[in-house]
Amino acid sequence: NSGVKIGYVNIDGGKTKWLEIPGDERNNYLPRMEFIPGTNKLFIQQMNREQNTNKIWTSTIEQDDLKNIFVDKDQAWVETNNHVKWLKGNKFFTWMSERDGWRHLYRVSSDGKQVIPITKGDFDVISEVGMNEKTGYIYFIASPNNATQRYLYRAKLFGNGKCELVSDANQVGQHQYNMSPTCAWAVHTFSN
């Protein structure tokens, strides 16, 4: 396998500074890296070769402060999180995981010490559709009763995990939504 590492360089040029992420660079993957909004701090996902552990690291550019803040594990497989959202001025982030046996959304504190379910139930969250931090809701597609049917639900970002059906329950079938940034409007596609 190719060795993978992360480095940064000043926009004006200069020497590359490499982050010293623990683990064999040929037996770990670094599938995602992004800046935490409004900061010079990187949010890094590192998966082991078996892809059953995803370690989350943070590191501030020009400060040697690499820190492992969170680990998501499963005996079989973990997913890379492509849609991490930051909440309450970067005090929390959203995380999708199967840590309870079902794929659900979680709210994780920025230090990784609190992992609180946003959604709960005997079903998988299929995909996230939108989020509005001002109204406090996250919208997602799920099919809790029949795998051939998909509906829009919402849950409070800082609630008790209760999920509320948004789609018309009388329209049995597949619902898809392209939500506006405020989640006040959506293009709704339905098929049965």
C-alpha atoms as a PDB file:
ATOM      1  CA  ASN A   1       0.000   0.000   0.000  1.00  0.00           C
ATOM      2  CA  SER A   2       1.035   3.577  -0.575  1.00  0.00           C
ATOM      3  CA  GLY A   3       2.064   5.494   2.503  1.00  0.00           C
ATOM      4  CA  VAL A   4      -0.329   8.305   3.416  1.00  0.00           C
ATOM      5  CA  LYS A   5       0.519  11.372   5.472  1.00  0.00           C
ATOM      6  CA  ILE A   6      -0.716  14.925   5.994  1.00  0.00           C
ATOM      7  CA  GLY A   7       1.332  18.050   5.762  1.00  0.00           C
ATOM      8  CA  TYR A   8       0.759  21.764   5.388  1.00  0.00           C
ATOM      9  CA  VAL A   9       2.646  24.609   3.804  1.00  0.00           C
ATOM     10  CA  ASN A  10       2.232  28.385   4.017  1.00  0.00           C
ATOM     11  CA  ILE A  11       0.300  29.887   1.090  1.00  0.00           C
ATOM     12  CA  ASP A  12       3.425  31.930   0.248  1.00  0.00           C
ATOM     13  CA  GLY A  13       5.534  28.778   0.055  1.00  0.00           C
ATOM     14  CA  GLY A  14       8.198  27.335   2.285  1.00  0.00           C
ATOM     15  CA  LYS A  15       8.917  24.012   3.863  1.00  0.00           C
ATOM     16  CA  THR A  16       6.155  21.436   4.332  1.00  0.00           C
ATOM     17  CA  LYS A  17       5.355  20.645   7.965  1.00  0.00           C
ATOM     18  CA  TRP A  18       4.264  17.005   8.311  1.00  0.00           C
ATOM     19  CA  LEU A  19       1.868  15.914  11.038  1.00  0.00           C
ATOM     20  CA  GLU A  20       3.096  12.991  13.113  1.00  0.00           C
ATOM     21  CA  ILE A  21      -0.065  10.866  13.088  1.00  0.00           C
ATOM     22  CA  PRO A  22       0.586   7.618  15.004  1.00  0.00           C
ATOM     23  CA  GLY A  23       0.377   4.294  13.221  1.00  0.00           C
ATOM     24  CA  ASP A  24       1.973   2.710  10.191  1.00  0.00           C
ATOM     25  CA  GLU A  25       1.297   5.054   7.260  1.00  0.00           C
ATOM     26  CA  ARG A  26       1.046   2.030   4.932  1.00  0.00           C
ATOM     27  CA  ASN A  27      -1.587   0.282   7.068  1.00  0.00           C
ATOM     28  CA  ASN A  28      -3.853   3.207   7.893  1.00  0.00           C
ATOM     29  CA  TYR A  29      -6.063   5.334   5.683  1.00  0.00           C
ATOM     30  CA  LEU A  30      -6.654   9.061   5.989  1.00  0.00           C
ATOM     31  CA  PRO A  31      -9.966   9.241   4.098  1.00  0.00           C
ATOM     32  CA  ARG A  32     -11.147  12.693   5.249  1.00  0.00           C
ATOM     33  CA  MET A  33      -9.573  15.901   6.404  1.00  0.00           C
ATOM     34  CA  GLU A  34     -11.220  19.301   6.722  1.00  0.00           C
ATOM     35  CA  PHE A  35     -10.865  22.533   8.619  1.00  0.00           C
ATOM     36  CA  ILE A  36     -13.138  23.054  11.582  1.00  0.00           C
ATOM     37  CA  PRO A  37     -15.183  26.120  10.495  1.00  0.00           C
ATOM     38  CA  GLY A  38     -13.574  29.489  11.200  1.00  0.00           C
ATOM     39  CA  THR A  39     -10.367  27.978  12.603  1.00  0.00           C
ATOM     40  CA  ASN A  40      -6.916  26.781  11.576  1.00  0.00           C
ATOM     41  CA  LYS A  41      -7.683  23.435  13.209  1.00  0.00           C
ATOM     42  CA  LEU A  42      -7.826  20.274  11.103  1.00  0.00           C
ATOM     43  CA  PHE A  43     -10.382  17.523  11.732  1.00  0.00           C
ATOM     44  CA  ILE A  44      -8.829  14.264  10.499  1.00  0.00           C
ATOM     45  CA  GLN A  45     -10.373  10.821  10.100  1.00  0.00           C
ATOM     46  CA  GLN A  46      -7.936   7.889  10.258  1.00  0.00           C
ATOM     47  CA  MET A  47      -9.135   4.357   9.523  1.00  0.00           C
ATOM     48  CA  ASN A  48      -7.201   1.187  10.170  1.00  0.00           C
ATOM     49  CA  ARG A  49      -6.588  -1.274   7.346  1.00  0.00           C
ATOM     50  CA  GLU A  50      -9.500  -3.503   8.456  1.00  0.00           C
ATOM     51  CA  GLN A  51     -11.733  -0.401   8.354  1.00  0.00           C
ATOM     52  CA  ASN A  52     -13.402  -1.261  11.649  1.00  0.00           C
ATOM     53  CA  THR A  53     -11.929   1.674  13.590  1.00  0.00           C
ATOM     54  CA  ASN A  54     -12.139   5.369  12.721  1.00  0.00           C
ATOM     55  CA  LYS A  55      -9.946   7.594  14.903  1.00  0.00           C
ATOM     56  CA  ILE A  56     -10.653  11.319  14.905  1.00  0.00           C
ATOM     57  CA  TRP A  57      -7.679  13.622  15.353  1.00  0.00           C
ATOM     58  CA  THR A  58      -7.477  17.398  15.596  1.00  0.00           C
ATOM     59  CA  SER A  59      -4.422  19.518  14.950  1.00  0.00           C
ATOM     60  CA  THR A  60      -4.005  23.279  14.820  1.00  0.00           C
ATOM     61  CA  ILE A  61      -1.785  24.526  12.010  1.00  0.00           C
ATOM     62  CA  GLU A  62       1.589  25.773  13.342  1.00  0.00           C
ATOM     63  CA  GLN A  63       0.961  24.283  16.799  1.00  0.00           C
ATOM     64  CA  ASP A  64       2.147  20.758  17.490  1.00  0.00           C
ATOM     65  CA  ASP A  65      -1.089  19.806  19.251  1.00  0.00           C
ATOM     66  CA  LEU A  66      -2.208  16.616  17.477  1.00  0.00           C
ATOM     67  CA  LYS A  67      -4.898  15.085  19.663  1.00  0.00           C
ATOM     68  CA  ASN A  68      -7.078  11.983  19.334  1.00  0.00           C
ATOM     69  CA  ILE A  69     -10.516  13.198  20.421  1.00  0.00           C
ATOM     70  CA  PHE A  70     -12.831  10.347  19.402  1.00  0.00           C
ATOM     71  CA  VAL A  71     -12.807   6.723  18.243  1.00  0.00           C
ATOM     72  CA  ASP A  72     -15.668   4.942  16.460  1.00  0.00           C
ATOM     73  CA  LYS A  73     -15.377   1.125  16.406  1.00  0.00           C
ATOM     74  CA  ASP A  74     -17.364  -1.834  15.159  1.00  0.00           C
ATOM     75  CA  GLN A  75     -16.467  -5.532  15.040  1.00  0.00           C
ATOM     76  CA  ALA A  76     -17.257  -5.620  11.318  1.00  0.00           C
ATOM     77  CA  TRP A  77     -17.048  -2.204   9.624  1.00  0.00           C
ATOM     78  CA  VAL A  78     -17.276   1.551  10.156  1.00  0.00           C
ATOM     79  CA  GLU A  79     -18.136   4.189   7.605  1.00  0.00           C
ATOM     80  CA  THR A  80     -16.246   7.336   6.768  1.00  0.00           C
ATOM     81  CA  ASN A  81     -18.310  10.365   7.768  1.00  0.00           C
ATOM     82  CA  ASN A  82     -18.709  12.676   4.780  1.00  0.00           C
ATOM     83  CA  HIS A  83     -21.200  15.156   6.227  1.00  0.00           C
ATOM     84  CA  VAL A  84     -19.874  16.274   9.602  1.00  0.00           C
ATOM     85  CA  LYS A  85     -21.725  19.408  10.751  1.00  0.00           C
ATOM     86  CA  TRP A  86     -20.473  21.707  13.501  1.00  0.00           C
ATOM     87  CA  LEU A  87     -22.892  23.012  16.133  1.00  0.00           C
ATOM     88  CA  LYS A  88     -22.962  25.720  18.830  1.00  0.00           C
ATOM     89  CA  GLY A  89     -19.790  27.508  17.719  1.00  0.00           C
ATOM     90  CA  ASN A  90     -17.848  24.260  17.136  1.00  0.00           C
ATOM     91  CA  LYS A  91     -18.628  22.859  20.600  1.00  0.00           C
ATOM     92  CA  PHE A  92     -20.259  19.771  19.016  1.00  0.00           C
ATOM     93  CA  PHE A  93     -20.228  17.913  15.713  1.00  0.00           C
ATOM     94  CA  THR A  94     -22.665  15.471  14.114  1.00  0.00           C
ATOM     95  CA  TRP A  95     -21.596  11.893  13.528  1.00  0.00           C
ATOM     96  CA  MET A  96     -23.310   8.952  11.815  1.00  0.00           C
ATOM     97  CA  SER A  97     -22.524   5.573  13.371  1.00  0.00           C
ATOM     98  CA  GLU A  98     -23.823   2.044  13.869  1.00  0.00           C
ATOM     99  CA  ARG A  99     -22.480   1.942  17.432  1.00  0.00           C
ATOM    100  CA  ASP A 100     -25.839   0.697  18.826  1.00  0.00           C
ATOM    101  CA  GLY A 101     -26.448  -1.814  16.005  1.00  0.00           C
ATOM    102  CA  TRP A 102     -28.450   0.644  13.864  1.00  0.00           C
ATOM    103  CA  ARG A 103     -27.142   3.561  11.769  1.00  0.00           C
ATOM    104  CA  HIS A 104     -28.028   6.702  13.720  1.00  0.00           C
ATOM    105  CA  LEU A 105     -26.997  10.314  14.033  1.00  0.00           C
ATOM    106  CA  TYR A 106     -25.088  11.405  17.122  1.00  0.00           C
ATOM    107  CA  ARG A 107     -23.993  14.696  18.640  1.00  0.00           C
ATOM    108  CA  VAL A 108     -20.378  14.494  19.807  1.00  0.00           C
ATOM    109  CA  SER A 109     -18.685  17.130  21.957  1.00  0.00           C
ATOM    110  CA  SER A 110     -15.565  18.645  20.420  1.00  0.00           C
ATOM    111  CA  ASP A 111     -13.424  16.890  23.046  1.00  0.00           C
ATOM    112  CA  GLY A 112     -15.125  13.552  22.249  1.00  0.00           C
ATOM    113  CA  LYS A 113     -16.257  12.979  25.837  1.00  0.00           C
ATOM    114  CA  GLN A 114     -19.995  13.216  25.117  1.00  0.00           C
ATOM    115  CA  VAL A 115     -21.618  11.010  22.468  1.00  0.00           C
ATOM    116  CA  ILE A 116     -25.379  11.613  22.538  1.00  0.00           C
ATOM    117  CA  PRO A 117     -27.940  10.107  20.122  1.00  0.00           C
ATOM    118  CA  ILE A 118     -29.818  12.592  17.947  1.00  0.00           C
ATOM    119  CA  THR A 119     -31.922   9.737  16.514  1.00  0.00           C
ATOM    120  CA  LYS A 120     -33.048   6.535  18.235  1.00  0.00           C
ATOM    121  CA  GLY A 121     -35.009   3.464  17.173  1.00  0.00           C
ATOM    122  CA  ASP A 122     -34.861   0.063  15.504  1.00  0.00           C
ATOM    123  CA  PHE A 123     -34.114   1.451  12.039  1.00  0.00           C
ATOM    124  CA  ASP A 124     -31.239   2.869  10.005  1.00  0.00           C
ATOM    125  CA  VAL A 125     -30.872   6.507   9.075  1.00  0.00           C
ATOM    126  CA  ILE A 126     -30.340   6.148   5.328  1.00  0.00           C
ATOM    127  CA  SER A 127     -29.135   9.653   4.561  1.00  0.00           C
ATOM    128  CA  GLU A 128     -29.079  13.139   5.960  1.00  0.00           C
ATOM    129  CA  VAL A 129     -31.111  15.641   3.929  1.00  0.00           C
ATOM    130  CA  GLY A 130     -30.665  18.956   5.724  1.00  0.00           C
ATOM    131  CA  MET A 131     -30.030  20.750   8.977  1.00  0.00           C
ATOM    132  CA  ASN A 132     -31.052  24.100  10.411  1.00  0.00           C
ATOM    133  CA  GLU A 133     -29.249  24.914  13.629  1.00  0.00           C
ATOM    134  CA  LYS A 134     -31.486  27.952  14.259  1.00  0.00           C
ATOM    135  CA  THR A 135     -34.670  25.866  14.316  1.00  0.00           C
ATOM    136  CA  GLY A 136     -32.783  23.022  15.986  1.00  0.00           C
ATOM    137  CA  TYR A 137     -33.758  20.259  13.535  1.00  0.00           C
ATOM    138  CA  ILE A 138     -31.907  17.772  11.381  1.00  0.00           C
ATOM    139  CA  TYR A 139     -33.812  16.098   8.505  1.00  0.00           C
ATOM    140  CA  PHE A 140     -33.094  12.592   7.248  1.00  0.00           C
ATOM    141  CA  ILE A 141     -34.447   9.703   5.180  1.00  0.00           C
ATOM    142  CA  ALA A 142     -35.349   6.421   6.917  1.00  0.00           C
ATOM    143  CA  SER A 143     -37.486   3.345   6.286  1.00  0.00           C
ATOM    144  CA  PRO A 144     -38.309   1.973   9.737  1.00  0.00           C
ATOM    145  CA  ASN A 145     -41.177  -0.345   8.785  1.00  0.00           C
ATOM    146  CA  ASN A 146     -40.557  -1.481   5.207  1.00  0.00           C
ATOM    147  CA  ALA A 147     -37.273  -1.438   3.268  1.00  0.00           C
ATOM    148  CA  THR A 148     -39.121  -0.634   0.022  1.00  0.00           C
ATOM    149  CA  GLN A 149     -40.454   2.621   1.488  1.00  0.00           C
ATOM    150  CA  ARG A 150     -38.439   5.719   2.368  1.00  0.00           C
ATOM    151  CA  TYR A 151     -39.751   8.741   4.252  1.00  0.00           C
ATOM    152  CA  LEU A 152     -38.498  12.087   5.496  1.00  0.00           C
ATOM    153  CA  TYR A 153     -38.107  12.414   9.261  1.00  0.00           C
ATOM    154  CA  ARG A 154     -36.719  15.067  11.534  1.00  0.00           C
ATOM    155  CA  ALA A 155     -35.209  15.082  15.011  1.00  0.00           C
ATOM    156  CA  LYS A 156     -34.065  17.768  17.417  1.00  0.00           C
ATOM    157  CA  LEU A 157     -30.306  18.307  17.391  1.00  0.00           C
ATOM    158  CA  PHE A 158     -30.434  18.768  21.170  1.00  0.00           C
ATOM    159  CA  GLY A 159     -33.453  16.583  21.904  1.00  0.00           C
ATOM    160  CA  ASN A 160     -34.108  13.150  23.340  1.00  0.00           C
ATOM    161  CA  GLY A 161     -33.690  11.108  20.133  1.00  0.00           C
ATOM    162  CA  LYS A 162     -37.374  11.150  19.201  1.00  0.00           C
ATOM    163  CA  CYS A 163     -37.946  11.105  15.435  1.00  0.00           C
ATOM    164  CA  GLU A 164     -40.919  12.786  13.772  1.00  0.00           C
ATOM    165  CA  LEU A 165     -42.359  11.751  10.392  1.00  0.00           C
ATOM    166  CA  VAL A 166     -42.491  14.688   7.941  1.00  0.00           C
ATOM    167  CA  SER A 167     -43.556  12.908   4.728  1.00  0.00           C
ATOM    168  CA  ASP A 168     -47.239  12.251   4.120  1.00  0.00           C
ATOM    169  CA  ALA A 169     -47.835   8.786   5.646  1.00  0.00           C
ATOM    170  CA  ASN A 170     -50.659   8.241   3.131  1.00  0.00           C
ATOM    171  CA  GLN A 171     -48.158   8.397   0.264  1.00  0.00           C
ATOM    172  CA  VAL A 172     -46.721   4.888   0.571  1.00  0.00           C
ATOM    173  CA  GLY A 173     -43.490   4.564  -1.414  1.00  0.00           C
ATOM    174  CA  GLN A 174     -40.160   6.288  -1.966  1.00  0.00           C
ATOM    175  CA  HIS A 175     -39.772   9.952  -0.970  1.00  0.00           C
ATOM    176  CA  GLN A 176     -36.742  12.050  -1.919  1.00  0.00           C
ATOM    177  CA  TYR A 177     -36.032  15.661  -0.960  1.00  0.00           C
ATOM    178  CA  ASN A 178     -33.650  18.359  -2.104  1.00  0.00           C
ATOM    179  CA  MET A 179     -33.869  20.823   0.794  1.00  0.00           C
ATOM    180  CA  SER A 180     -33.192  24.524   0.769  1.00  0.00           C
ATOM    181  CA  PRO A 181     -30.335  25.686   3.055  1.00  0.00           C
ATOM    182  CA  THR A 182     -32.858  26.823   5.698  1.00  0.00           C
ATOM    183  CA  CYS A 183     -34.886  23.573   5.435  1.00  0.00           C
ATOM    184  CA  ALA A 184     -38.020  25.706   4.977  1.00  0.00           C
ATOM    185  CA  TRP A 185     -38.552  24.435   1.428  1.00  0.00           C
ATOM    186  CA  ALA A 186     -37.750  21.317  -0.552  1.00  0.00           C
ATOM    187  CA  VAL A 187     -38.083  19.800  -3.978  1.00  0.00           C
ATOM    188  CA  HIS A 188     -40.010  16.615  -3.216  1.00  0.00           C
ATOM    189  CA  THR A 189     -39.929  13.577  -5.507  1.00  0.00           C
ATOM    190  CA  PHE A 190     -42.254  10.651  -4.888  1.00  0.00           C
ATOM    191  CA  SER A 191     -42.488   7.237  -6.510  1.00  0.00           C
ATOM    192  CA  ASN A 192     -44.511   4.105  -5.808  1.00  0.00           C
END
